[in-house]
């Protein structure tokens, strides 16, 4: 399902998920009202199971793509722009 969707910074209160084929809105992942209208990167991770994006208030947000639930907030600073993010699979070596 995630491969037929895209996610964008909505420049208002979070990230919006849409269907690729018709652009239909699916849901908003809320991060709070923006204080700066600079674009923040948002992307899929964990085989499209999560949505990860920056903010203008010093945090990176991680959401469950299917439910929209906030899974984690990674604090970078008390305030300031987190404009670029990336994801990488974690491999544990035992």
C-alpha atoms as a PDB file:
ATOM      1  CA  UNK A   1       0.000   0.000   0.000  1.00  0.00           C
ATOM      2  CA  UNK A   2       2.740   2.522   0.897  1.00  0.00           C
ATOM      3  CA  UNK A   3       4.250   2.196  -2.563  1.00  0.00           C
ATOM      4  CA  UNK A   4       1.082   3.746  -4.025  1.00  0.00           C
ATOM      5  CA  UNK A   5       1.245   6.777  -1.747  1.00  0.00           C
ATOM      6  CA  UNK A   6       3.299   9.926  -1.287  1.00  0.00           C
ATOM      7  CA  UNK A   7       3.798  12.240   1.668  1.00  0.00           C
ATOM      8  CA  UNK A   8       4.488  15.994   1.696  1.00  0.00           C
ATOM      9  CA  UNK A   9       5.098  18.769   4.214  1.00  0.00           C
ATOM     10  CA  UNK A  10       1.817  20.708   4.235  1.00  0.00           C
ATOM     11  CA  UNK A  11       3.485  23.945   5.521  1.00  0.00           C
ATOM     12  CA  UNK A  12       0.717  24.330   8.101  1.00  0.00           C
ATOM     13  CA  UNK A  13       0.527  21.635  10.800  1.00  0.00           C
ATOM     14  CA  UNK A  14       2.382  18.508   9.655  1.00  0.00           C
ATOM     15  CA  UNK A  15       2.666  16.087   6.771  1.00  0.00           C
ATOM     16  CA  UNK A  16      -0.085  14.981   4.387  1.00  0.00           C
ATOM     17  CA  UNK A  17      -0.393  11.485   2.916  1.00  0.00           C
ATOM     18  CA  UNK A  18      -1.982  11.108  -0.547  1.00  0.00           C
ATOM     19  CA  UNK A  19      -2.680   8.380  -3.103  1.00  0.00           C
ATOM     20  CA  UNK A  20      -0.394   8.517  -6.158  1.00  0.00           C
ATOM     21  CA  UNK A  21      -2.973   7.461  -8.750  1.00  0.00           C
ATOM     22  CA  UNK A  22      -5.493  10.242  -8.092  1.00  0.00           C
ATOM     23  CA  UNK A  23      -3.867  12.509  -5.480  1.00  0.00           C
ATOM     24  CA  UNK A  24      -6.637  11.704  -2.984  1.00  0.00           C
ATOM     25  CA  UNK A  25      -5.957  12.857   0.566  1.00  0.00           C
ATOM     26  CA  UNK A  26      -5.528  10.026   3.109  1.00  0.00           C
ATOM     27  CA  UNK A  27      -4.519  11.695   6.409  1.00  0.00           C
ATOM     28  CA  UNK A  28      -2.417  14.336   8.138  1.00  0.00           C
ATOM     29  CA  UNK A  29       0.407  13.459  10.518  1.00  0.00           C
ATOM     30  CA  UNK A  30       0.206  16.403  12.941  1.00  0.00           C
ATOM     31  CA  UNK A  31       3.388  17.998  14.256  1.00  0.00           C
ATOM     32  CA  UNK A  32       1.905  21.288  15.499  1.00  0.00           C
ATOM     33  CA  UNK A  33       1.431  24.652  13.828  1.00  0.00           C
ATOM     34  CA  UNK A  34       4.481  25.849  11.936  1.00  0.00           C
ATOM     35  CA  UNK A  35       6.318  29.003  12.923  1.00  0.00           C
ATOM     36  CA  UNK A  36       8.395  29.181   9.731  1.00  0.00           C
ATOM     37  CA  UNK A  37       7.108  28.319   6.276  1.00  0.00           C
ATOM     38  CA  UNK A  38      10.366  26.763   5.146  1.00  0.00           C
ATOM     39  CA  UNK A  39      10.001  23.281   3.615  1.00  0.00           C
ATOM     40  CA  UNK A  40      10.836  20.257   5.755  1.00  0.00           C
ATOM     41  CA  UNK A  41      11.803  16.908   4.301  1.00  0.00           C
ATOM     42  CA  UNK A  42       9.470  14.018   4.981  1.00  0.00           C
ATOM     43  CA  UNK A  43       9.910  10.435   3.792  1.00  0.00           C
ATOM     44  CA  UNK A  44       8.998   6.805   4.285  1.00  0.00           C
ATOM     45  CA  UNK A  45      11.103   4.349   6.291  1.00  0.00           C
ATOM     46  CA  UNK A  46      10.989   0.727   7.393  1.00  0.00           C
ATOM     47  CA  UNK A  47       9.602  -0.539   4.051  1.00  0.00           C
ATOM     48  CA  UNK A  48       7.007   2.277   3.961  1.00  0.00           C
ATOM     49  CA  UNK A  49       5.664   1.363   7.408  1.00  0.00           C
ATOM     50  CA  UNK A  50       6.679   4.687   8.996  1.00  0.00           C
ATOM     51  CA  UNK A  51       6.688   8.356   8.010  1.00  0.00           C
ATOM     52  CA  UNK A  52       9.663  10.428   9.221  1.00  0.00           C
ATOM     53  CA  UNK A  53       9.920  14.203   8.944  1.00  0.00           C
ATOM     54  CA  UNK A  54      11.579  17.293  10.337  1.00  0.00           C
ATOM     55  CA  UNK A  55      10.019  20.351  11.934  1.00  0.00           C
ATOM     56  CA  UNK A  56      10.643  24.012  12.611  1.00  0.00           C
ATOM     57  CA  UNK A  57      10.740  23.479  16.378  1.00  0.00           C
ATOM     58  CA  UNK A  58      13.790  21.252  16.801  1.00  0.00           C
ATOM     59  CA  UNK A  59      12.253  17.774  16.510  1.00  0.00           C
ATOM     60  CA  UNK A  60      12.056  14.857  14.099  1.00  0.00           C
ATOM     61  CA  UNK A  61       8.718  13.009  14.088  1.00  0.00           C
ATOM     62  CA  UNK A  62       8.106   9.314  13.412  1.00  0.00           C
ATOM     63  CA  UNK A  63       4.550   8.148  12.608  1.00  0.00           C
ATOM     64  CA  UNK A  64       2.939   4.823  11.784  1.00  0.00           C
ATOM     65  CA  UNK A  65       1.847   5.210   8.139  1.00  0.00           C
ATOM     66  CA  UNK A  66      -1.268   3.037   8.403  1.00  0.00           C
ATOM     67  CA  UNK A  67      -2.745   4.248  11.700  1.00  0.00           C
ATOM     68  CA  UNK A  68      -1.345   7.789  11.788  1.00  0.00           C
ATOM     69  CA  UNK A  69      -0.171   7.253  15.385  1.00  0.00           C
ATOM     70  CA  UNK A  70       2.889   9.177  16.541  1.00  0.00           C
ATOM     71  CA  UNK A  71       5.559   6.586  17.362  1.00  0.00           C
ATOM     72  CA  UNK A  72       8.395   8.840  18.484  1.00  0.00           C
ATOM     73  CA  UNK A  73       9.622  12.425  18.721  1.00  0.00           C
ATOM     74  CA  UNK A  74      13.390  12.747  18.424  1.00  0.00           C
ATOM     75  CA  UNK A  75      14.538  16.008  20.017  1.00  0.00           C
ATOM     76  CA  UNK A  76      17.386  17.734  18.204  1.00  0.00           C
ATOM     77  CA  UNK A  77      17.207  21.091  19.949  1.00  0.00           C
ATOM     78  CA  UNK A  78      14.722  23.204  21.913  1.00  0.00           C
ATOM     79  CA  UNK A  79      13.889  25.199  18.800  1.00  0.00           C
ATOM     80  CA  UNK A  80      15.114  25.620  15.279  1.00  0.00           C
ATOM     81  CA  UNK A  81      14.677  24.069  11.889  1.00  0.00           C
ATOM     82  CA  UNK A  82      15.176  20.369  11.202  1.00  0.00           C
ATOM     83  CA  UNK A  83      14.905  20.603   7.447  1.00  0.00           C
ATOM     84  CA  UNK A  84      16.674  17.463   6.216  1.00  0.00           C
ATOM     85  CA  UNK A  85      16.202  13.907   7.495  1.00  0.00           C
ATOM     86  CA  UNK A  86      17.141  10.455   6.276  1.00  0.00           C
ATOM     87  CA  UNK A  87      16.339   6.876   7.225  1.00  0.00           C
ATOM     88  CA  UNK A  88      18.447   3.741   7.190  1.00  0.00           C
ATOM     89  CA  UNK A  89      17.709   0.134   8.061  1.00  0.00           C
ATOM     90  CA  UNK A  90      19.274  -0.994  11.305  1.00  0.00           C
ATOM     91  CA  UNK A  91      21.002  -4.363  11.215  1.00  0.00           C
ATOM     92  CA  UNK A  92      21.944  -6.011  14.467  1.00  0.00           C
ATOM     93  CA  UNK A  93      25.028  -8.206  14.539  1.00  0.00           C
ATOM     94  CA  UNK A  94      25.050 -10.827  17.256  1.00  0.00           C
END
